[in-house]
Amino acid sequence: MPDSMAEYLQADMECEGLLECIHGLKQLDKQVFRTLVESPEPLTVDDVAASVERERSTAYRAVQRLLQSGFIQKEQVNYDQGGYYHVYRPTDPDEVADDMQRMLNDWYAKMGTLIQEFRDKYDADEPPQEAVSTE
């Protein structure tokens, strides 16, 4: 993973790199997301764990990171005789893309403010230029 913005901009990034770059998600998180996207129906954490060949608790943590980032949705399924379980499905790609665009716009505005503060601070600290005589 690149350490600086310059490195990110120079790297060959794929669309899944957004998961890592914008939301700080891990390789396992991307694997779980891909599993949910490729599944024709919502999956339980147990289904996800089996698919990515990890322990249930490890898969659960990845699912929670994806849920918190808004990449997936949780649905409750009720048993006829009582009780329930949860299944997970990917969030609509347009909704995720809109959210990332908003986040990027906010970041861009914040960086613009910081750059201006940098200019103001270091322009103000420069010693005044002496007038040059044209005689």
C-alpha atoms as a PDB file:
ATOM      1  CA  MET A   1       0.000   0.000   0.000  1.00  0.00           C
ATOM      2  CA  PRO A   2       1.458   3.380  -0.971  1.00  0.00           C
ATOM      3  CA  ASP A   3       2.425   5.708   1.870  1.00  0.00           C
ATOM      4  CA  SER A   4       1.845   9.056   0.183  1.00  0.00           C
ATOM      5  CA  MET A   5      -0.721  10.650  -2.112  1.00  0.00           C
ATOM      6  CA  ALA A   6       2.000  11.021  -4.769  1.00  0.00           C
ATOM      7  CA  GLU A   7       2.579   7.252  -4.649  1.00  0.00           C
ATOM      8  CA  TYR A   8      -1.169   6.587  -4.965  1.00  0.00           C
ATOM      9  CA  LEU A   9      -1.380   8.841  -8.007  1.00  0.00           C
ATOM     10  CA  GLN A  10       1.576   7.125  -9.685  1.00  0.00           C
ATOM     11  CA  ALA A  11       0.406   3.574  -8.915  1.00  0.00           C
ATOM     12  CA  ASP A  12      -1.644   1.515 -11.321  1.00  0.00           C
ATOM     13  CA  MET A  13      -4.911   1.413  -9.405  1.00  0.00           C
ATOM     14  CA  GLU A  14      -7.955  -0.696 -10.160  1.00  0.00           C
ATOM     15  CA  CYS A  15     -11.500   0.131  -9.097  1.00  0.00           C
ATOM     16  CA  GLU A  16     -11.221  -2.244  -6.117  1.00  0.00           C
ATOM     17  CA  GLY A  17      -8.309  -0.105  -4.963  1.00  0.00           C
ATOM     18  CA  LEU A  18     -10.973   2.346  -3.840  1.00  0.00           C
ATOM     19  CA  LEU A  19     -11.883  -0.074  -1.069  1.00  0.00           C
ATOM     20  CA  GLU A  20      -8.350   0.159   0.233  1.00  0.00           C
ATOM     21  CA  CYS A  21      -7.582   3.794  -0.583  1.00  0.00           C
ATOM     22  CA  ILE A  22     -10.771   5.504   0.555  1.00  0.00           C
ATOM     23  CA  HIS A  23     -11.960   3.165   3.288  1.00  0.00           C
ATOM     24  CA  GLY A  24      -8.747   1.508   4.461  1.00  0.00           C
ATOM     25  CA  LEU A  25     -10.109  -1.978   3.867  1.00  0.00           C
ATOM     26  CA  LYS A  26      -7.869  -5.040   3.810  1.00  0.00           C
ATOM     27  CA  GLN A  27      -7.246  -7.790   1.275  1.00  0.00           C
ATOM     28  CA  LEU A  28      -9.663 -10.105   3.109  1.00  0.00           C
ATOM     29  CA  ASP A  29     -12.324  -7.392   3.032  1.00  0.00           C
ATOM     30  CA  LYS A  30     -11.970  -7.158  -0.755  1.00  0.00           C
ATOM     31  CA  GLN A  31     -12.207 -10.957  -0.994  1.00  0.00           C
ATOM     32  CA  VAL A  32     -15.393 -10.982   1.105  1.00  0.00           C
ATOM     33  CA  PHE A  33     -16.875  -8.147  -0.935  1.00  0.00           C
ATOM     34  CA  ARG A  34     -16.125  -9.991  -4.182  1.00  0.00           C
ATOM     35  CA  THR A  35     -17.763 -13.125  -2.728  1.00  0.00           C
ATOM     36  CA  LEU A  36     -20.929 -11.207  -1.871  1.00  0.00           C
ATOM     37  CA  VAL A  37     -21.031  -9.488  -5.271  1.00  0.00           C
ATOM     38  CA  GLU A  38     -20.635 -12.786  -7.130  1.00  0.00           C
ATOM     39  CA  SER A  39     -23.301 -14.575  -5.084  1.00  0.00           C
ATOM     40  CA  PRO A  40     -26.776 -14.698  -6.660  1.00  0.00           C
ATOM     41  CA  GLU A  41     -28.346 -14.428  -3.198  1.00  0.00           C
ATOM     42  CA  PRO A  42     -27.470 -12.836   0.159  1.00  0.00           C
ATOM     43  CA  LEU A  43     -25.071 -14.870   2.312  1.00  0.00           C
ATOM     44  CA  THR A  44     -24.702 -15.568   6.027  1.00  0.00           C
ATOM     45  CA  VAL A  45     -21.385 -15.018   7.776  1.00  0.00           C
ATOM     46  CA  ASP A  46     -20.967 -18.811   7.841  1.00  0.00           C
ATOM     47  CA  ASP A  47     -21.416 -18.909   4.036  1.00  0.00           C
ATOM     48  CA  VAL A  48     -18.874 -16.112   3.631  1.00  0.00           C
ATOM     49  CA  ALA A  49     -16.386 -17.822   5.970  1.00  0.00           C
ATOM     50  CA  ALA A  50     -16.640 -21.071   3.996  1.00  0.00           C
ATOM     51  CA  SER A  51     -16.221 -19.240   0.700  1.00  0.00           C
ATOM     52  CA  VAL A  52     -13.077 -17.340   1.741  1.00  0.00           C
ATOM     53  CA  GLU A  53     -11.779 -20.310   3.779  1.00  0.00           C
ATOM     54  CA  ARG A  54     -11.416 -18.414   7.045  1.00  0.00           C
ATOM     55  CA  GLU A  55     -12.707 -18.826  10.565  1.00  0.00           C
ATOM     56  CA  ARG A  56     -16.199 -17.468  11.213  1.00  0.00           C
ATOM     57  CA  SER A  57     -14.897 -14.766  13.581  1.00  0.00           C
ATOM     58  CA  THR A  58     -12.373 -13.548  10.984  1.00  0.00           C
ATOM     59  CA  ALA A  59     -15.036 -13.425   8.271  1.00  0.00           C
ATOM     60  CA  TYR A  60     -17.393 -11.653  10.681  1.00  0.00           C
ATOM     61  CA  ARG A  61     -14.838  -8.870  11.293  1.00  0.00           C
ATOM     62  CA  ALA A  62     -14.411  -8.380   7.533  1.00  0.00           C
ATOM     63  CA  VAL A  63     -18.199  -8.284   7.084  1.00  0.00           C
ATOM     64  CA  GLN A  64     -18.458  -5.691   9.862  1.00  0.00           C
ATOM     65  CA  ARG A  65     -15.810  -3.468   8.218  1.00  0.00           C
ATOM     66  CA  LEU A  66     -17.676  -3.680   4.902  1.00  0.00           C
ATOM     67  CA  LEU A  67     -20.973  -2.964   6.641  1.00  0.00           C
ATOM     68  CA  GLN A  68     -19.525   0.044   8.461  1.00  0.00           C
ATOM     69  CA  SER A  69     -18.070   1.366   5.195  1.00  0.00           C
ATOM     70  CA  GLY A  70     -21.442   1.056   3.488  1.00  0.00           C
ATOM     71  CA  PHE A  71     -20.341  -1.499   0.882  1.00  0.00           C
ATOM     72  CA  ILE A  72     -22.794  -4.132   2.060  1.00  0.00           C
ATOM     73  CA  GLN A  73     -26.247  -4.282   3.660  1.00  0.00           C
ATOM     74  CA  LYS A  74     -27.521  -6.507   6.470  1.00  0.00           C
ATOM     75  CA  GLU A  75     -30.964  -8.083   6.301  1.00  0.00           C
ATOM     76  CA  GLN A  76     -32.780 -10.018   8.997  1.00  0.00           C
ATOM     77  CA  VAL A  77     -34.439 -13.288   7.990  1.00  0.00           C
ATOM     78  CA  ASN A  78     -37.058 -14.619  10.406  1.00  0.00           C
ATOM     79  CA  TYR A  79     -37.657 -18.325  11.019  1.00  0.00           C
ATOM     80  CA  ASP A  80     -41.311 -19.437  10.911  1.00  0.00           C
ATOM     81  CA  GLN A  81     -41.042 -21.005  14.373  1.00  0.00           C
ATOM     82  CA  GLY A  82     -39.336 -17.950  15.875  1.00  0.00           C
ATOM     83  CA  GLY A  83     -35.833 -16.593  15.898  1.00  0.00           C
ATOM     84  CA  TYR A  84     -33.869 -15.015  13.090  1.00  0.00           C
ATOM     85  CA  TYR A  85     -30.509 -14.812  11.359  1.00  0.00           C
ATOM     86  CA  HIS A  86     -28.753 -12.195   9.259  1.00  0.00           C
ATOM     87  CA  VAL A  87     -27.707 -12.280   5.636  1.00  0.00           C
ATOM     88  CA  TYR A  88     -25.532  -9.801   3.777  1.00  0.00           C
ATOM     89  CA  ARG A  89     -25.661  -8.447   0.244  1.00  0.00           C
ATOM     90  CA  PRO A  90     -23.727  -5.761  -1.621  1.00  0.00           C
ATOM     91  CA  THR A  91     -25.066  -2.216  -1.559  1.00  0.00           C
ATOM     92  CA  ASP A  92     -26.211  -0.761  -4.873  1.00  0.00           C
ATOM     93  CA  PRO A  93     -23.017   0.315  -6.726  1.00  0.00           C
ATOM     94  CA  ASP A  94     -24.477   3.744  -7.579  1.00  0.00           C
ATOM     95  CA  GLU A  95     -25.143   4.412  -3.896  1.00  0.00           C
ATOM     96  CA  VAL A  96     -21.605   3.367  -2.946  1.00  0.00           C
ATOM     97  CA  ALA A  97     -20.094   5.432  -5.784  1.00  0.00           C
ATOM     98  CA  ASP A  98     -22.125   8.504  -4.769  1.00  0.00           C
ATOM     99  CA  ASP A  99     -20.943   8.110  -1.177  1.00  0.00           C
ATOM    100  CA  MET A 100     -17.307   7.815  -2.265  1.00  0.00           C
ATOM    101  CA  GLN A 101     -17.714  10.866  -4.511  1.00  0.00           C
ATOM    102  CA  ARG A 102     -19.079  12.892  -1.581  1.00  0.00           C
ATOM    103  CA  MET A 103     -16.206  11.721   0.602  1.00  0.00           C
ATOM    104  CA  LEU A 104     -13.687  12.621  -2.103  1.00  0.00           C
ATOM    105  CA  ASN A 105     -15.271  16.079  -2.567  1.00  0.00           C
ATOM    106  CA  ASP A 106     -15.085  16.685   1.193  1.00  0.00           C
ATOM    107  CA  TRP A 107     -11.452  15.582   1.232  1.00  0.00           C
ATOM    108  CA  TYR A 108     -10.651  17.794  -1.758  1.00  0.00           C
ATOM    109  CA  ALA A 109     -12.226  20.826  -0.058  1.00  0.00           C
ATOM    110  CA  LYS A 110     -10.306  20.116   3.156  1.00  0.00           C
ATOM    111  CA  MET A 111      -7.022  19.749   1.262  1.00  0.00           C
ATOM    112  CA  GLY A 112      -7.714  23.026  -0.568  1.00  0.00           C
ATOM    113  CA  THR A 113      -8.166  24.771   2.779  1.00  0.00           C
ATOM    114  CA  LEU A 114      -4.947  23.266   4.145  1.00  0.00           C
ATOM    115  CA  ILE A 115      -3.015  24.270   1.029  1.00  0.00           C
ATOM    116  CA  GLN A 116      -4.284  27.834   1.380  1.00  0.00           C
ATOM    117  CA  GLU A 117      -3.290  27.848   5.056  1.00  0.00           C
ATOM    118  CA  PHE A 118       0.159  26.650   3.997  1.00  0.00           C
ATOM    119  CA  ARG A 119       0.438  29.492   1.477  1.00  0.00           C
ATOM    120  CA  ASP A 120      -0.778  32.081   3.968  1.00  0.00           C
ATOM    121  CA  LYS A 121       1.571  30.900   6.692  1.00  0.00           C
ATOM    122  CA  TYR A 122       4.715  30.698   4.637  1.00  0.00           C
ATOM    123  CA  ASP A 123       4.025  33.726   2.427  1.00  0.00           C
ATOM    124  CA  ALA A 124       3.486  35.830   5.561  1.00  0.00           C
ATOM    125  CA  ASP A 125       6.708  34.559   7.158  1.00  0.00           C
ATOM    126  CA  GLU A 126       8.877  35.546   4.193  1.00  0.00           C
ATOM    127  CA  PRO A 127      10.977  38.658   4.735  1.00  0.00           C
ATOM    128  CA  PRO A 128       9.739  41.634   2.741  1.00  0.00           C
ATOM    129  CA  GLN A 129      11.412  42.075  -0.629  1.00  0.00           C
ATOM    130  CA  GLU A 130      13.566  45.168  -0.993  1.00  0.00           C
ATOM    131  CA  ALA A 131      12.525  47.638  -3.636  1.00  0.00           C
ATOM    132  CA  VAL A 132      14.747  47.446  -6.668  1.00  0.00           C
ATOM    133  CA  SER A 133      15.812  50.791  -8.125  1.00  0.00           C
ATOM    134  CA  THR A 134      15.439  51.168 -11.875  1.00  0.00           C
ATOM    135  CA  GLU A 135      17.698  54.240 -12.126  1.00  0.00           C
END
